[in-house]
Amino acid sequence: MLNLLTDRCFPVLRQDGREDTIPLHQIAETRNSVTQFLTPRHDFDGALVQLAIGVLQTLFAPPDEDTWLQRFANPPDPDELQAVFAKAAPFFELLGDGVRFMQDLELEPTPSEAKGIGTLLIEAPGGNTLKNNIDHFVKRGTVRQLGPFFTAVALYCLQTNAPSGGAGHRVGLRGGGPLTTVIWRPTLWQTLWLGVLVRDDLLAGHPDAHRQWELEDCFPWARPTRDSKKKGSEIHAVSCHPAVHYWGMPRRIRLCDPDRDGGICDLEGRHRSALFRDYVTKNYGNNYGEGWHHPLTPHYLDKADQVLPLHGQPGSLSYHHWLGLAFSDCEQGKERRLPARIVSRYGNRVRYLERITRESDMREPRLWVFGYDMDNAKARAWIDRTMPVLLAHADDIDQREHYRAHIQGMIQAARNVCQTLRAQVKSAFKGPIKARGDWSHLDLTFWNETEADFLALVAQLAHDPDAVEPRETWLRQLQRKALVCFESHTADRAVEVVDPARVARAYNQLVKFTSPRGKRLRAMLDLPPAPTKREETTA
């Protein structure tokens, strides 16, 4: 039917712009290289990147750093990958009497209890929504049948990102809707390989690091599901092979037999010889407990110093989130943020990569951040953003720390200006209007308006972390953009809504707070006090 490790089924884009379909072992081809996966859905593109990294990490992990660097510069031949992948091919069959990819080993596919295949998609309306007939925005029945490949991808995407789904329907290993970060490079092989850890790095800290593991230990669907109805049935990281991070399977699912008469797959709009329409599911599947720190996901420390995965939040990602995604051990508001392990490793390797790779191949690496913004079981949005990496002075610890500290100061100053902007715009409105409604649109406008300036100035600091002029320029730009945002949100409003005198007072307060001469913002940016007017006159 379909085997993800042997069949030609992965849709990709090549360097010359041509679309193609390849088996997974061709991802490292150097002639007209593959640049990305290409599906009809961005969440599926992200899922395939994670799946491919998981395959490489599980089956092709480099034994040491030298091997990692060698494979980055000289990708393996398709024949080499094909031979390696073949060892695990039985675990990646979509159908069969025994082990099936991402499916419960013991669940019987009873048609009378089946659910429509479209409900594998995370944005599909849930049971209560359908029962109460309130699926107004995401309608039921838009996806009724899927070809084998997109059935497999939907299954993997759900298991990887599984949100809360009612009593006993367990969430994903990283919780519902985790953020994933990947270093985006010109070729798909480089992107994937930058997500792979050296073998000892993956095993580091595990109490059974030197145990002789079996392949079955890596894939939860190769073993009977641990029923989680009773307390104490949680699956903790210390009891599993570290590769399980990439293959979490919280949901008990078994596909029903497909319709082999074929037809059109509702996602790709192409004819397939078999179509899946139904599956069965059962609650109380694998319940993942403590110690899971996924190498592709940024984390944060809560008040009890517990390490937890970051999840998507309302509103798009902007540069004020960037520091905690790209740098280790930095403060993000009141939470300590920790970048994904693969991002930290990239910072340690970047100078070596520049030495072994042509200059043209190292231009503009990007940090690709993606994931769902979930409200319990409801998908509010798909977050998909690339940001600069800009890991300057990786071989000079002091310079790199100065760079990080100055960027943190720039973001802190911007946050304070944004908060003051919001407060002063609200104070310009009369009565209850100023306390009513959602003002997040104002914040979003401010962050969008200041982002280009921030990135340009941070790029300057990358060459000279202690340069004063970029930080002075940032102060001036913050004031200019804040005043523009204020005027755009208060101008031409009816007198019933705003009082001109109130607007003038609020504007003056904003001018005062954002003054480039102000001590508070200058201190955040580690700038010396501004010269007095007398000093400027005598200078």
Protein backbone atom coordinates (compact mmCIF):
# COMPACT_ATOMS: atom_id res chain seq x y z
CA MET A 1 0.00 0.00 0.00
CA LEU A 2 2.50 2.63 1.20
CA ASN A 3 5.86 2.54 2.92
CA LEU A 4 7.28 5.93 3.86
CA LEU A 5 10.88 4.69 3.81
CA THR A 6 10.88 2.90 0.47
CA ASP A 7 8.19 4.39 -1.78
CA ARG A 8 8.46 7.36 -4.11
CA CYS A 9 5.88 9.54 -2.38
CA PHE A 10 7.44 12.76 -1.00
CA PRO A 11 6.47 15.91 -2.96
CA VAL A 12 9.41 18.32 -3.21
CA LEU A 13 10.70 21.42 -4.97
CA ARG A 14 14.10 21.35 -6.68
CA GLN A 15 16.61 24.17 -7.12
CA ASP A 16 15.55 24.85 -10.71
CA GLY A 17 11.94 25.36 -9.57
CA ARG A 18 10.72 21.99 -10.79
CA GLU A 19 8.25 20.03 -8.66
CA ASP A 20 9.08 16.38 -8.17
CA THR A 21 8.11 13.30 -6.15
CA ILE A 22 10.95 11.34 -4.60
CA PRO A 23 11.62 8.51 -2.14
CA LEU A 24 13.04 9.78 1.13
CA HIS A 25 16.53 8.42 0.43
CA GLN A 26 16.94 10.98 -2.40
CA ILE A 27 16.75 14.02 -0.07
CA ALA A 28 20.54 14.49 -0.19
CA GLU A 29 20.99 14.51 -3.97
CA THR A 30 23.50 17.18 -5.01
CA ARG A 31 22.50 17.47 -8.67
CA ASN A 32 19.59 19.93 -8.90
CA SER A 33 19.22 19.62 -5.13
CA VAL A 34 15.91 19.44 -3.34
CA THR A 35 15.16 22.71 -1.55
CA GLN A 36 11.96 21.92 0.37
CA PHE A 37 8.96 19.67 0.82
CA LEU A 38 5.96 20.91 -1.13
CA THR A 39 2.48 19.95 0.09
CA PRO A 40 -0.85 21.81 -0.09
CA ARG A 41 -0.59 22.67 3.64
CA HIS A 42 2.09 24.54 5.60
CA ASP A 43 1.54 22.37 8.68
CA PHE A 44 2.21 19.28 6.55
CA ASP A 45 5.43 20.85 5.24
CA GLY A 46 6.53 21.36 8.85
CA ALA A 47 5.46 17.83 9.76
CA LEU A 48 7.51 16.32 6.93
CA VAL A 49 10.61 18.25 8.01
CA GLN A 50 10.21 16.85 11.53
CA LEU A 51 9.55 13.35 10.21
CA ALA A 52 12.65 13.41 8.00
CA ILE A 53 14.83 14.75 10.82
CA GLY A 54 13.43 12.03 13.06
CA VAL A 55 14.32 9.35 10.51
CA LEU A 56 17.87 10.67 10.15
CA GLN A 57 18.33 11.05 13.91
CA THR A 58 17.04 7.55 14.61
CA LEU A 59 18.74 5.66 11.78
CA PHE A 60 21.67 7.80 10.59
CA ALA A 61 22.91 9.75 13.63
CA PRO A 62 26.60 10.66 13.28
CA PRO A 63 28.90 9.05 15.86
CA ASP A 64 30.95 12.23 16.38
CA GLU A 65 31.26 15.89 15.42
CA ASP A 66 33.77 15.26 12.63
CA THR A 67 31.35 12.89 10.93
CA TRP A 68 28.54 15.41 11.34
CA LEU A 69 30.62 18.12 9.63
CA GLN A 70 31.73 15.77 6.88
CA ARG A 71 28.16 14.76 6.05
CA PHE A 72 27.04 18.37 6.04
CA ALA A 73 29.70 19.30 3.48
CA ASN A 74 29.45 16.03 1.51
CA PRO A 75 25.90 14.65 1.61
CA PRO A 76 25.51 10.86 1.52
CA ASP A 77 24.64 9.07 -1.69
CA PRO A 78 21.02 7.95 -2.13
CA ASP A 79 22.20 4.32 -2.15
CA GLU A 80 23.77 4.75 1.30
CA LEU A 81 20.60 6.24 2.77
CA GLN A 82 18.44 3.63 1.05
CA ALA A 83 20.40 0.81 2.69
CA VAL A 84 20.18 2.46 6.11
CA PHE A 85 16.45 3.22 5.83
CA ALA A 86 15.64 -0.31 4.67
CA LYS A 87 16.44 -1.65 8.16
CA ALA A 88 13.48 0.22 9.62
CA ALA A 89 11.11 -0.10 6.65
CA PRO A 90 8.77 -2.58 8.44
CA PHE A 91 7.91 0.15 10.98
CA PHE A 92 6.78 2.58 8.27
CA GLU A 93 4.10 0.51 6.56
CA LEU A 94 0.74 2.29 6.55
CA LEU A 95 -1.29 -0.94 6.35
CA GLY A 96 -0.78 -4.56 7.34
CA ASP A 97 -1.84 -7.11 9.93
CA GLY A 98 0.76 -6.14 12.51
CA VAL A 99 2.88 -3.03 12.99
CA ARG A 100 1.52 0.04 11.21
CA PHE A 101 3.08 3.50 11.10
CA MET A 102 1.80 5.68 13.96
CA GLN A 103 -1.11 3.31 14.71
CA ASP A 104 -2.14 1.33 17.77
CA LEU A 105 -0.85 -2.23 17.56
CA GLU A 106 -3.88 -3.90 19.17
CA LEU A 107 -6.86 -1.72 18.23
CA GLU A 108 -9.37 -3.39 15.91
CA PRO A 109 -10.71 -1.19 13.07
CA THR A 110 -14.45 -1.68 13.65
CA PRO A 111 -16.38 0.17 10.89
CA SER A 112 -19.43 0.77 13.11
CA GLU A 113 -17.28 2.91 15.44
CA ALA A 114 -15.34 4.69 12.70
CA LYS A 115 -14.74 8.43 12.39
CA GLY A 116 -14.32 10.36 9.16
CA ILE A 117 -10.74 10.67 7.94
CA GLY A 118 -11.05 14.47 7.86
CA THR A 119 -11.09 14.58 11.66
CA LEU A 120 -7.40 13.64 11.65
CA LEU A 121 -6.78 17.26 10.66
CA ILE A 122 -6.19 19.36 13.75
CA GLU A 123 -8.44 22.20 12.65
CA ALA A 124 -11.40 19.84 12.09
CA PRO A 125 -14.40 20.68 14.32
CA GLY A 126 -14.62 18.54 17.44
CA GLY A 127 -17.43 16.38 18.73
CA ASN A 128 -19.21 19.07 20.77
CA THR A 129 -18.96 21.53 17.88
CA LEU A 130 -20.64 19.06 15.55
CA LYS A 131 -23.21 18.01 18.14
CA ASN A 132 -24.23 21.61 18.77
CA ASN A 133 -24.12 22.48 15.06
CA ILE A 134 -21.75 25.44 15.58
CA ASP A 135 -19.09 24.60 12.98
CA HIS A 136 -19.56 28.01 11.36
CA PHE A 137 -15.98 28.78 10.33
CA VAL A 138 -14.31 25.38 9.82
CA LYS A 139 -17.03 23.28 8.21
CA ARG A 140 -17.44 19.54 8.59
CA GLY A 141 -17.10 17.29 5.57
CA THR A 142 -14.60 19.40 3.61
CA VAL A 143 -12.14 16.47 3.64
CA ARG A 144 -13.85 13.10 3.18
CA GLN A 145 -11.16 11.01 1.51
CA LEU A 146 -7.36 11.03 1.44
CA GLY A 147 -4.77 9.19 -0.57
CA PRO A 148 -2.30 6.97 1.32
CA PHE A 149 0.54 9.49 1.56
CA PHE A 150 -1.53 12.37 2.91
CA THR A 151 -3.29 9.99 5.27
CA ALA A 152 0.13 9.09 6.70
CA VAL A 153 1.14 12.76 6.97
CA ALA A 154 -2.15 13.72 8.64
CA LEU A 155 -1.66 10.87 11.11
CA TYR A 156 1.89 11.93 11.93
CA CYS A 157 0.92 15.61 12.18
CA LEU A 158 -1.86 14.82 14.66
CA GLN A 159 0.27 12.53 16.82
CA THR A 160 3.09 15.10 16.89
CA ASN A 161 0.91 18.11 17.72
CA ALA A 162 -2.03 16.43 19.46
CA PRO A 163 -4.09 18.89 21.53
CA SER A 164 -6.41 17.93 24.36
CA GLY A 165 -9.25 15.94 22.86
CA GLY A 166 -11.65 15.09 25.65
CA ALA A 167 -11.49 12.58 28.49
CA GLY A 168 -8.50 10.30 28.07
CA HIS A 169 -7.50 11.53 24.61
CA ARG A 170 -3.90 12.36 25.39
CA VAL A 171 -1.89 15.37 24.24
CA GLY A 172 1.35 15.20 22.29
CA LEU A 173 4.70 14.49 23.87
CA ARG A 174 5.43 18.25 23.89
CA GLY A 175 1.88 19.23 24.80
CA GLY A 176 -0.70 20.49 22.32
CA GLY A 177 0.62 22.81 19.61
CA PRO A 178 4.37 22.98 20.38
CA LEU A 179 6.64 25.42 18.58
CA THR A 180 9.33 23.89 16.40
CA THR A 181 12.51 25.65 15.29
CA VAL A 182 14.70 24.61 12.37
CA ILE A 183 17.72 26.29 10.75
CA TRP A 184 16.60 26.97 7.18
CA ARG A 185 19.31 26.53 4.52
CA PRO A 186 19.45 26.61 0.69
CA THR A 187 19.08 22.83 0.33
CA LEU A 188 16.73 20.48 2.12
CA TRP A 189 19.64 18.24 3.12
CA GLN A 190 21.39 21.11 4.93
CA THR A 191 18.15 22.10 6.65
CA LEU A 192 17.49 18.55 7.82
CA TRP A 193 21.07 17.78 8.82
CA LEU A 194 21.25 20.93 10.96
CA GLY A 195 18.37 19.38 12.91
CA VAL A 196 20.31 16.18 13.64
CA LEU A 197 22.38 15.77 16.80
CA VAL A 198 25.56 13.76 17.25
CA ARG A 199 24.64 10.38 18.75
CA ASP A 200 26.23 11.02 22.15
CA ASP A 201 24.54 14.43 22.32
CA LEU A 202 21.14 12.81 21.89
CA LEU A 203 21.91 10.22 24.57
CA ALA A 204 23.57 12.68 26.99
CA GLY A 205 22.13 12.52 30.49
CA HIS A 206 20.08 9.39 29.86
CA PRO A 207 20.58 6.79 32.62
CA ASP A 208 20.64 3.97 30.04
CA ALA A 209 22.81 5.76 27.49
CA HIS A 210 25.02 2.70 26.97
CA ARG A 211 22.22 0.17 26.77
CA GLN A 212 21.94 -2.00 23.67
CA TRP A 213 18.64 -0.70 22.31
CA GLU A 214 16.47 -2.43 19.72
CA LEU A 215 14.82 -0.62 16.82
CA GLU A 216 11.45 -1.50 18.34
CA ASP A 217 12.39 0.68 21.31
CA CYS A 218 12.37 3.77 19.08
CA PHE A 219 8.85 3.45 17.67
CA PRO A 220 5.90 3.37 20.12
CA TRP A 221 3.61 1.66 17.59
CA ALA A 222 5.91 -1.38 17.62
CA ARG A 223 4.79 -2.18 21.18
CA PRO A 224 1.35 -2.47 22.78
CA THR A 225 0.02 0.89 23.96
CA ARG A 226 0.31 1.53 27.69
CA ASP A 227 -3.24 2.06 28.94
CA SER A 228 -3.29 5.34 30.87
CA LYS A 229 -6.65 5.11 32.59
CA LYS A 230 -5.04 4.64 36.00
CA LYS A 231 -2.71 7.00 37.82
CA GLY A 232 0.97 6.18 37.63
CA SER A 233 0.79 5.07 34.02
CA GLU A 234 2.73 8.06 32.67
CA ILE A 235 5.61 7.39 30.30
CA HIS A 236 8.70 9.32 31.40
CA ALA A 237 11.70 10.11 29.24
CA VAL A 238 14.12 8.12 31.40
CA SER A 239 12.30 4.89 30.54
CA CYS A 240 12.46 5.32 26.75
CA HIS A 241 15.00 5.53 23.97
CA PRO A 242 15.71 9.25 23.33
CA ALA A 243 14.60 8.81 19.70
CA VAL A 244 11.03 8.51 20.99
CA HIS A 245 11.12 12.33 21.21
CA TYR A 246 10.54 12.30 17.44
CA TRP A 247 7.90 9.57 17.41
CA GLY A 248 5.48 10.37 20.22
CA MET A 249 2.13 8.57 19.77
CA PRO A 250 -0.44 9.75 22.34
CA ARG A 251 -3.56 8.83 20.34
CA ARG A 252 -4.87 5.30 19.89
CA ILE A 253 -5.77 5.18 16.19
CA ARG A 254 -6.16 2.42 13.59
CA LEU A 255 -7.05 3.10 9.97
CA CYS A 256 -9.96 1.25 8.39
CA ASP A 257 -9.36 -0.49 5.08
CA PRO A 258 -9.24 1.95 2.15
CA ASP A 259 -11.50 2.04 -0.88
CA ARG A 260 -9.34 0.41 -3.55
CA ASP A 261 -11.50 1.64 -6.42
CA GLY A 262 -9.63 4.91 -6.10
CA GLY A 263 -10.68 8.47 -6.74
CA ILE A 264 -9.65 12.06 -6.05
CA CYS A 265 -7.76 12.88 -2.86
CA ASP A 266 -9.51 15.87 -1.28
CA LEU A 267 -6.23 17.52 -0.22
CA GLU A 268 -4.11 17.27 -3.34
CA GLY A 269 -6.86 17.09 -5.97
CA ARG A 270 -5.22 14.15 -7.74
CA HIS A 271 -6.42 10.65 -8.53
CA ARG A 272 -5.14 7.94 -6.20
CA SER A 273 -5.63 4.19 -6.57
CA ALA A 274 -6.78 3.87 -2.95
CA LEU A 275 -8.57 6.31 -0.66
CA PHE A 276 -8.90 6.29 3.12
CA ARG A 277 -12.24 7.48 4.49
CA ASP A 278 -12.43 6.19 8.07
CA TYR A 279 -10.46 5.26 11.15
CA VAL A 280 -11.20 4.11 14.68
CA THR A 281 -9.87 5.63 17.86
CA LYS A 282 -9.92 4.91 21.56
CA ASN A 283 -9.00 7.00 24.57
CA TYR A 284 -6.38 6.43 27.28
CA GLY A 285 -3.40 5.99 25.01
CA ASN A 286 0.23 6.77 25.83
CA ASN A 287 0.38 9.50 28.47
CA TYR A 288 3.76 11.23 28.30
CA GLY A 289 5.05 12.42 31.65
CA GLU A 290 8.27 14.12 32.77
CA GLY A 291 11.68 14.73 31.26
CA TRP A 292 10.77 15.18 27.60
CA HIS A 293 12.91 17.98 26.11
CA HIS A 294 12.49 17.80 22.35
CA PRO A 295 15.66 18.86 20.47
CA LEU A 296 13.66 20.91 17.92
CA THR A 297 11.54 22.84 20.43
CA PRO A 298 12.44 25.92 22.50
CA HIS A 299 11.67 25.68 26.20
CA TYR A 300 11.23 27.93 29.22
CA LEU A 301 11.77 27.61 32.94
CA ASP A 302 8.71 28.17 35.10
CA LYS A 303 8.81 29.55 38.66
CA ALA A 304 9.68 26.10 39.99
CA ASP A 305 12.56 25.80 37.48
CA GLN A 306 10.68 23.10 35.58
CA VAL A 307 11.67 22.96 31.91
CA LEU A 308 8.55 23.20 29.72
CA PRO A 309 8.08 23.42 25.93
CA LEU A 310 7.04 26.69 24.33
CA HIS A 311 3.69 26.75 22.54
CA GLY A 312 2.16 29.06 19.98
CA GLN A 313 0.35 32.10 21.35
CA PRO A 314 -2.24 34.52 19.91
CA GLY A 315 -0.71 37.07 17.55
CA SER A 316 2.14 36.48 15.16
CA LEU A 317 5.75 35.98 16.17
CA SER A 318 7.84 39.12 16.01
CA TYR A 319 11.37 40.19 16.76
CA HIS A 320 10.68 40.59 20.48
CA HIS A 321 10.30 36.78 20.62
CA TRP A 322 13.50 36.24 18.66
CA LEU A 323 16.07 36.44 21.46
CA GLY A 324 14.64 33.51 23.41
CA LEU A 325 14.47 31.42 20.24
CA ALA A 326 18.05 32.08 19.09
CA PHE A 327 20.19 32.54 22.21
CA SER A 328 20.76 30.41 25.30
CA ASP A 329 20.17 31.45 28.89
CA CYS A 330 18.47 34.79 28.35
CA GLU A 331 15.58 36.46 30.11
CA GLN A 332 12.36 36.89 28.11
CA GLY A 333 10.11 39.04 30.24
CA LYS A 334 9.81 37.13 33.52
CA GLU A 335 10.50 33.72 32.00
CA ARG A 336 13.88 32.28 31.23
CA ARG A 337 13.83 31.03 27.65
CA LEU A 338 15.99 28.23 26.30
CA PRO A 339 16.39 27.79 22.54
CA ALA A 340 15.99 24.39 20.96
CA ARG A 341 19.04 22.19 21.40
CA ILE A 342 19.70 22.13 17.66
CA VAL A 343 19.78 25.96 17.58
CA SER A 344 22.34 26.07 20.39
CA ARG A 345 24.46 23.51 18.54
CA TYR A 346 24.32 25.60 15.40
CA GLY A 347 25.73 28.56 17.32
CA ASN A 348 28.67 26.39 18.37
CA ARG A 349 29.26 25.15 14.81
CA VAL A 350 28.73 28.23 12.70
CA ARG A 351 32.40 29.21 12.42
CA TYR A 352 33.38 25.67 11.40
CA LEU A 353 30.60 25.59 8.82
CA GLU A 354 31.89 28.82 7.29
CA ARG A 355 35.32 27.24 6.88
CA ILE A 356 34.18 24.04 5.19
CA THR A 357 31.41 25.46 3.02
CA ARG A 358 31.50 27.83 0.07
CA GLU A 359 30.65 31.38 1.03
CA SER A 360 27.57 31.39 -1.23
CA ASP A 361 26.15 28.42 0.67
CA MET A 362 26.38 30.17 4.01
CA ARG A 363 24.46 33.32 3.15
CA GLU A 364 21.46 34.27 5.20
CA PRO A 365 20.71 31.23 7.32
CA ARG A 366 17.21 31.64 8.72
CA LEU A 367 15.53 30.44 11.87
CA TRP A 368 12.25 28.83 10.80
CA VAL A 369 9.68 28.81 13.60
CA PHE A 370 6.34 27.07 13.19
CA GLY A 371 3.50 25.48 15.12
CA TYR A 372 -0.16 25.78 16.01
CA ASP A 373 -1.71 28.39 18.26
CA MET A 374 -4.08 26.14 20.19
CA ASP A 375 -6.91 27.02 22.56
CA ASN A 376 -7.29 23.62 24.22
CA ALA A 377 -8.67 21.44 21.41
CA LYS A 378 -9.32 24.35 19.04
CA ALA A 379 -6.71 25.44 16.50
CA ARG A 380 -6.82 29.25 16.38
CA ALA A 381 -4.01 29.73 13.86
CA TRP A 382 -0.95 28.26 12.22
CA ILE A 383 2.23 30.16 13.09
CA ASP A 384 4.91 30.12 10.40
CA ARG A 385 7.77 32.58 10.44
CA THR A 386 11.43 32.86 9.48
CA MET A 387 13.86 35.13 11.31
CA PRO A 388 17.58 35.88 10.94
CA VAL A 389 19.94 33.70 12.93
CA LEU A 390 22.70 36.34 13.32
CA LEU A 391 24.82 34.36 15.76
CA ALA A 392 27.77 36.74 15.85
CA HIS A 393 31.17 36.05 17.38
CA ALA A 394 30.50 32.39 18.08
CA ASP A 395 34.20 31.87 18.83
CA ASP A 396 34.51 34.84 21.22
CA ILE A 397 32.43 34.28 24.35
CA ASP A 398 32.82 37.84 25.68
CA GLN A 399 31.88 39.48 22.39
CA ARG A 400 28.95 37.15 21.93
CA GLU A 401 27.68 37.96 25.43
CA HIS A 402 27.94 41.70 24.71
CA TYR A 403 26.02 41.16 21.50
CA ARG A 404 23.28 39.22 23.29
CA ALA A 405 23.07 41.75 26.13
CA HIS A 406 22.71 44.71 23.78
CA ILE A 407 20.00 42.95 21.75
CA GLN A 408 18.19 42.16 24.98
CA GLY A 409 18.40 45.84 25.93
CA MET A 410 16.99 46.90 22.55
CA ILE A 411 14.04 44.54 22.96
CA GLN A 412 13.46 45.64 26.56
CA ALA A 413 13.39 49.29 25.47
CA ALA A 414 10.95 48.46 22.67
CA ARG A 415 8.66 46.61 25.10
CA ASN A 416 8.59 49.60 27.42
CA VAL A 417 7.82 51.97 24.56
CA CYS A 418 5.06 49.63 23.32
CA GLN A 419 3.48 49.47 26.79
CA THR A 420 3.62 53.26 27.13
CA LEU A 421 2.19 53.72 23.63
CA ARG A 422 -0.76 51.50 24.49
CA ALA A 423 -1.37 53.27 27.80
CA GLN A 424 -1.29 56.74 26.23
CA VAL A 425 -3.54 55.79 23.30
CA LYS A 426 -6.07 54.36 25.76
CA SER A 427 -5.87 57.50 27.90
CA ALA A 428 -6.76 59.62 24.86
CA PHE A 429 -10.19 58.01 24.64
CA LYS A 430 -13.16 59.05 26.72
CA GLY A 431 -14.94 57.06 29.39
CA PRO A 432 -15.36 53.31 29.16
CA ILE A 433 -14.03 53.09 25.60
CA LYS A 434 -10.45 53.33 26.82
CA ALA A 435 -10.86 50.31 29.09
CA ARG A 436 -12.87 48.25 26.64
CA GLY A 437 -11.88 45.88 23.86
CA ASP A 438 -8.74 44.19 22.65
CA TRP A 439 -5.78 46.52 22.07
CA SER A 440 -3.46 43.83 20.73
CA HIS A 441 -3.81 45.28 17.22
CA LEU A 442 -1.95 48.39 18.43
CA ASP A 443 0.90 46.28 19.79
CA LEU A 444 1.05 44.32 16.54
CA THR A 445 1.23 47.54 14.52
CA PHE A 446 4.10 48.82 16.64
CA TRP A 447 6.10 45.59 16.38
CA ASN A 448 5.56 45.39 12.63
CA GLU A 449 6.53 49.04 12.12
CA THR A 450 9.79 48.71 14.07
CA GLU A 451 10.94 45.28 12.90
CA ALA A 452 12.88 46.30 9.79
CA ASP A 453 14.85 48.90 11.75
CA PHE A 454 15.58 46.40 14.51
CA LEU A 455 16.92 43.75 12.14
CA ALA A 456 19.08 46.25 10.26
CA LEU A 457 20.62 47.59 13.47
CA VAL A 458 21.15 44.12 14.93
CA ALA A 459 23.03 43.21 11.75
CA GLN A 460 25.31 46.21 12.36
CA LEU A 461 25.92 45.09 15.95
CA ALA A 462 26.91 41.66 14.68
CA HIS A 463 30.07 43.26 13.23
CA ASP A 464 30.78 45.43 16.30
CA PRO A 465 28.73 44.41 19.37
CA ASP A 466 29.82 47.43 21.42
CA ALA A 467 29.05 50.05 18.76
CA VAL A 468 27.05 52.93 20.25
CA GLU A 469 25.52 54.42 17.11
CA PRO A 470 23.12 51.51 16.33
CA ARG A 471 21.65 51.80 19.83
CA GLU A 472 21.36 55.59 19.57
CA THR A 473 19.61 55.15 16.22
CA TRP A 474 17.25 52.62 17.81
CA LEU A 475 16.19 55.17 20.42
CA ARG A 476 15.34 57.72 17.74
CA GLN A 477 13.46 55.15 15.66
CA LEU A 478 11.44 53.96 18.65
CA GLN A 479 10.21 57.47 19.32
CA ARG A 480 9.44 58.19 15.68
CA LYS A 481 7.49 54.96 15.13
CA ALA A 482 5.65 55.23 18.45
CA LEU A 483 4.44 58.74 17.61
CA VAL A 484 3.32 57.63 14.15
CA CYS A 485 1.35 54.75 15.70
CA PHE A 486 -0.21 57.11 18.25
CA GLU A 487 -1.35 59.54 15.58
CA SER A 488 -2.75 56.82 13.34
CA HIS A 489 -4.89 55.47 16.21
CA THR A 490 -6.17 58.81 17.50
CA ALA A 491 -6.40 61.10 14.47
CA ASP A 492 -9.74 61.90 12.86
CA ARG A 493 -11.75 60.39 15.70
CA ALA A 494 -15.12 61.92 16.58
CA VAL A 495 -15.18 64.26 19.58
CA GLU A 496 -17.63 61.86 21.22
CA VAL A 497 -14.78 59.36 21.35
CA VAL A 498 -11.66 61.44 21.98
CA ASP A 499 -11.09 64.77 23.68
CA PRO A 500 -8.50 66.91 21.80
CA ALA A 501 -7.07 68.14 25.09
CA ARG A 502 -6.78 64.57 26.35
CA VAL A 503 -5.07 63.56 23.09
CA ALA A 504 -2.56 66.40 23.42
CA ARG A 505 -1.68 65.44 26.99
CA ALA A 506 -1.26 61.78 26.05
CA TYR A 507 0.90 62.72 23.07
CA ASN A 508 3.14 64.89 25.22
CA GLN A 509 3.53 62.10 27.77
CA LEU A 510 4.56 59.72 25.00
CA VAL A 511 7.05 62.25 23.64
CA LYS A 512 8.53 62.68 27.10
CA PHE A 513 8.87 58.94 27.78
CA THR A 514 10.39 58.12 24.40
CA SER A 515 12.83 61.02 24.33
CA PRO A 516 16.27 59.82 23.21
CA ARG A 517 17.62 61.87 26.11
CA GLY A 518 15.56 59.99 28.70
CA LYS A 519 17.58 58.25 31.40
CA ARG A 520 15.36 55.17 31.64
CA LEU A 521 15.56 54.04 28.02
CA ARG A 522 19.24 54.95 27.77
CA ALA A 523 19.98 52.79 30.80
CA MET A 524 18.19 49.84 29.18
CA LEU A 525 20.42 50.24 26.15
CA ASP A 526 23.58 50.65 28.23
CA LEU A 527 24.14 54.11 26.79
CA PRO A 528 25.90 56.95 28.62
CA PRO A 529 23.76 59.88 29.82
CA ALA A 530 22.83 62.28 27.07
CA PRO A 531 24.85 65.50 27.11
CA THR A 532 23.17 68.50 28.71
CA LYS A 533 22.17 71.43 26.54
CA ARG A 534 25.07 73.43 27.99
CA GLU A 535 27.49 70.65 27.08
CA GLU A 536 26.06 70.53 23.57
CA THR A 537 26.44 74.29 23.24
CA THR A 538 30.06 74.30 24.38
CA ALA A 539 31.00 71.23 22.38
